[in-house]
C-alpha atoms as a PDB file:
ATOM      1  CA  UNK A   1     127.640  82.314 102.718  1.00  0.00           C
ATOM      2  CA  UNK A   2     128.479  83.714 106.156  1.00  0.00           C
ATOM      3  CA  UNK A   3     130.528  86.506 104.569  1.00  0.00           C
ATOM      4  CA  UNK A   4     127.577  87.475 102.377  1.00  0.00           C
ATOM      5  CA  UNK A   5     125.272  87.600 105.403  1.00  0.00           C
ATOM      6  CA  UNK A   6     127.762  89.784 107.269  1.00  0.00           C
ATOM      7  CA  UNK A   7     128.182  92.099 104.262  1.00  0.00           C
ATOM      8  CA  UNK A   8     124.413  92.519 103.916  1.00  0.00           C
ATOM      9  CA  UNK A   9     124.020  93.255 107.634  1.00  0.00           C
ATOM     10  CA  UNK A  10     126.792  95.848 107.483  1.00  0.00           C
ATOM     11  CA  UNK A  11     125.284  97.497 104.406  1.00  0.00           C
ATOM     12  CA  UNK A  12     121.880  97.699 106.081  1.00  0.00           C
ATOM     13  CA  UNK A  13     123.376  99.098 109.258  1.00  0.00           C
ATOM     14  CA  UNK A  14     125.472 101.687 107.424  1.00  0.00           C
ATOM     15  CA  UNK A  15     122.586 102.789 105.201  1.00  0.00           C
ATOM     16  CA  UNK A  16     120.447 103.732 108.191  1.00  0.00           C
ATOM     17  CA  UNK A  17     117.451 101.635 107.130  1.00  0.00           C
ATOM     18  CA  UNK A  18     117.816  98.981 109.814  1.00  0.00           C
ATOM     19  CA  UNK A  19     115.010 100.460 111.911  1.00  0.00           C
ATOM     20  CA  UNK A  20     112.634 100.568 108.929  1.00  0.00           C
ATOM     21  CA  UNK A  21     113.353  96.932 108.088  1.00  0.00           C
ATOM     22  CA  UNK A  22     112.686  95.916 111.696  1.00  0.00           C
ATOM     23  CA  UNK A  23     109.403  97.827 111.610  1.00  0.00           C
ATOM     24  CA  UNK A  24     108.314  96.114 108.395  1.00  0.00           C
ATOM     25  CA  UNK A  25     109.136  92.770 109.987  1.00  0.00           C
ATOM     26  CA  UNK A  26     106.382  93.514 112.501  1.00  0.00           C
ATOM     27  CA  UNK A  27     103.822  93.248 109.699  1.00  0.00           C
ATOM     28  CA  UNK A  28     105.285  89.890 108.701  1.00  0.00           C
ATOM     29  CA  UNK A  29     105.191  88.392 112.198  1.00  0.00           C
ATOM     30  CA  UNK A  30     101.753  89.739 113.190  1.00  0.00           C
ATOM     31  CA  UNK A  31      99.856  86.479 112.559  1.00  0.00           C
ATOM     32  CA  UNK A  32     102.456  84.408 114.355  1.00  0.00           C
ATOM     33  CA  UNK A  33     102.463  86.701 117.395  1.00  0.00           C
ATOM     34  CA  UNK A  34      98.698  87.025 117.832  1.00  0.00           C
ATOM     35  CA  UNK A  35      97.732  83.470 116.914  1.00  0.00           C
ATOM     36  CA  UNK A  36      95.158  81.838 114.665  1.00  0.00           C
ATOM     37  CA  UNK A  37      91.954  83.271 116.171  1.00  0.00           C
ATOM     38  CA  UNK A  38      93.063  86.910 116.145  1.00  0.00           C
ATOM     39  CA  UNK A  39      94.804  86.629 112.779  1.00  0.00           C
ATOM     40  CA  UNK A  40      91.492  85.568 111.212  1.00  0.00           C
ATOM     41  CA  UNK A  41      89.848  88.854 112.239  1.00  0.00           C
ATOM     42  CA  UNK A  42      92.772  91.247 111.756  1.00  0.00           C
ATOM     43  CA  UNK A  43      95.246  92.332 109.124  1.00  0.00           C
ATOM     44  CA  UNK A  44      98.498  94.158 109.877  1.00  0.00           C
ATOM     45  CA  UNK A  45      98.635  96.625 107.004  1.00  0.00           C
ATOM     46  CA  UNK A  46     101.557  98.998 107.544  1.00  0.00           C
ATOM     47  CA  UNK A  47     104.096 100.580 109.857  1.00  0.00           C
ATOM     48  CA  UNK A  48     105.007 104.246 109.962  1.00  0.00           C
ATOM     49  CA  UNK A  49     107.399 105.800 112.464  1.00  0.00           C
ATOM     50  CA  UNK A  50     107.007 102.949 114.936  1.00  0.00           C
ATOM     51  CA  UNK A  51     103.201 102.791 114.685  1.00  0.00           C
ATOM     52  CA  UNK A  52     101.809  99.477 113.457  1.00  0.00           C
ATOM     53  CA  UNK A  53      98.420  99.868 111.776  1.00  0.00           C
ATOM     54  CA  UNK A  54      96.114  96.877 112.152  1.00  0.00           C
ATOM     55  CA  UNK A  55      92.748  96.569 110.443  1.00  0.00           C
ATOM     56  CA  UNK A  56      90.110  94.737 112.500  1.00  0.00           C
ATOM     57  CA  UNK A  57      86.821  93.163 111.409  1.00  0.00           C
ATOM     58  CA  UNK A  58      84.745  94.812 114.133  1.00  0.00           C
ATOM     59  CA  UNK A  59      84.659  97.418 116.868  1.00  0.00           C
ATOM     60  CA  UNK A  60      84.470  94.610 119.411  1.00  0.00           C
ATOM     61  CA  UNK A  61      87.787  93.210 118.227  1.00  0.00           C
ATOM     62  CA  UNK A  62      89.308  96.714 118.183  1.00  0.00           C
ATOM     63  CA  UNK A  63      88.351  97.170 121.819  1.00  0.00           C
ATOM     64  CA  UNK A  64      89.581  93.728 122.868  1.00  0.00           C
ATOM     65  CA  UNK A  65      92.923  94.173 121.137  1.00  0.00           C
ATOM     66  CA  UNK A  66      93.307  97.720 122.431  1.00  0.00           C
ATOM     67  CA  UNK A  67      93.187  96.318 125.949  1.00  0.00           C
ATOM     68  CA  UNK A  68      95.949  93.836 125.051  1.00  0.00           C
ATOM     69  CA  UNK A  69      98.034  96.367 123.129  1.00  0.00           C
ATOM     70  CA  UNK A  70     101.012  96.595 125.508  1.00  0.00           C
ATOM     71  CA  UNK A  71     101.450  92.815 125.625  1.00  0.00           C
ATOM     72  CA  UNK A  72     101.168  92.546 121.849  1.00  0.00           C
ATOM     73  CA  UNK A  73     103.764  95.303 121.342  1.00  0.00           C
ATOM     74  CA  UNK A  74     106.130  93.534 123.732  1.00  0.00           C
ATOM     75  CA  UNK A  75     105.689  90.198 121.932  1.00  0.00           C
ATOM     76  CA  UNK A  76     106.233  91.760 118.516  1.00  0.00           C
ATOM     77  CA  UNK A  77     109.373  93.570 119.641  1.00  0.00           C
ATOM     78  CA  UNK A  78     110.754  90.364 121.138  1.00  0.00           C
ATOM     79  CA  UNK A  79     110.004  88.503 117.919  1.00  0.00           C
ATOM     80  CA  UNK A  80     111.678  91.098 115.664  1.00  0.00           C
ATOM     81  CA  UNK A  81     114.580  91.597 118.075  1.00  0.00           C
ATOM     82  CA  UNK A  82     114.232  95.338 118.614  1.00  0.00           C
ATOM     83  CA  UNK A  83     112.026  98.012 120.116  1.00  0.00           C
ATOM     84  CA  UNK A  84     110.990  99.334 116.705  1.00  0.00           C
ATOM     85  CA  UNK A  85     107.249  99.166 117.432  1.00  0.00           C
ATOM     86  CA  UNK A  86     106.114 101.830 119.881  1.00  0.00           C
ATOM     87  CA  UNK A  87     102.366 101.860 119.234  1.00  0.00           C
ATOM     88  CA  UNK A  88      99.586  99.917 117.535  1.00  0.00           C
ATOM     89  CA  UNK A  89      96.663 101.699 115.923  1.00  0.00           C
ATOM     90  CA  UNK A  90      93.601  99.522 115.424  1.00  0.00           C
ATOM     91  CA  UNK A  91      91.281 100.629 112.624  1.00  0.00           C
END
């Protein structure tokens, strides 16, 4: 099993898609990173070129999360183990 894991990691690394996979992981960990309250009013929808797009239920939440953006980016990058996310766009 360990050999399979190593082979998959090498294939991903050699194919050049490692960064894209890390970015997509940001969508998956969004709810865990922001917690129950925020996850109920937001939806991480996509990532493109290091920009995570998050849909919010209201302008008030957009503003609140915008002010916390740097901390959220840091937490996401720690969780996914890279610096793949450079920006969050709240819509």
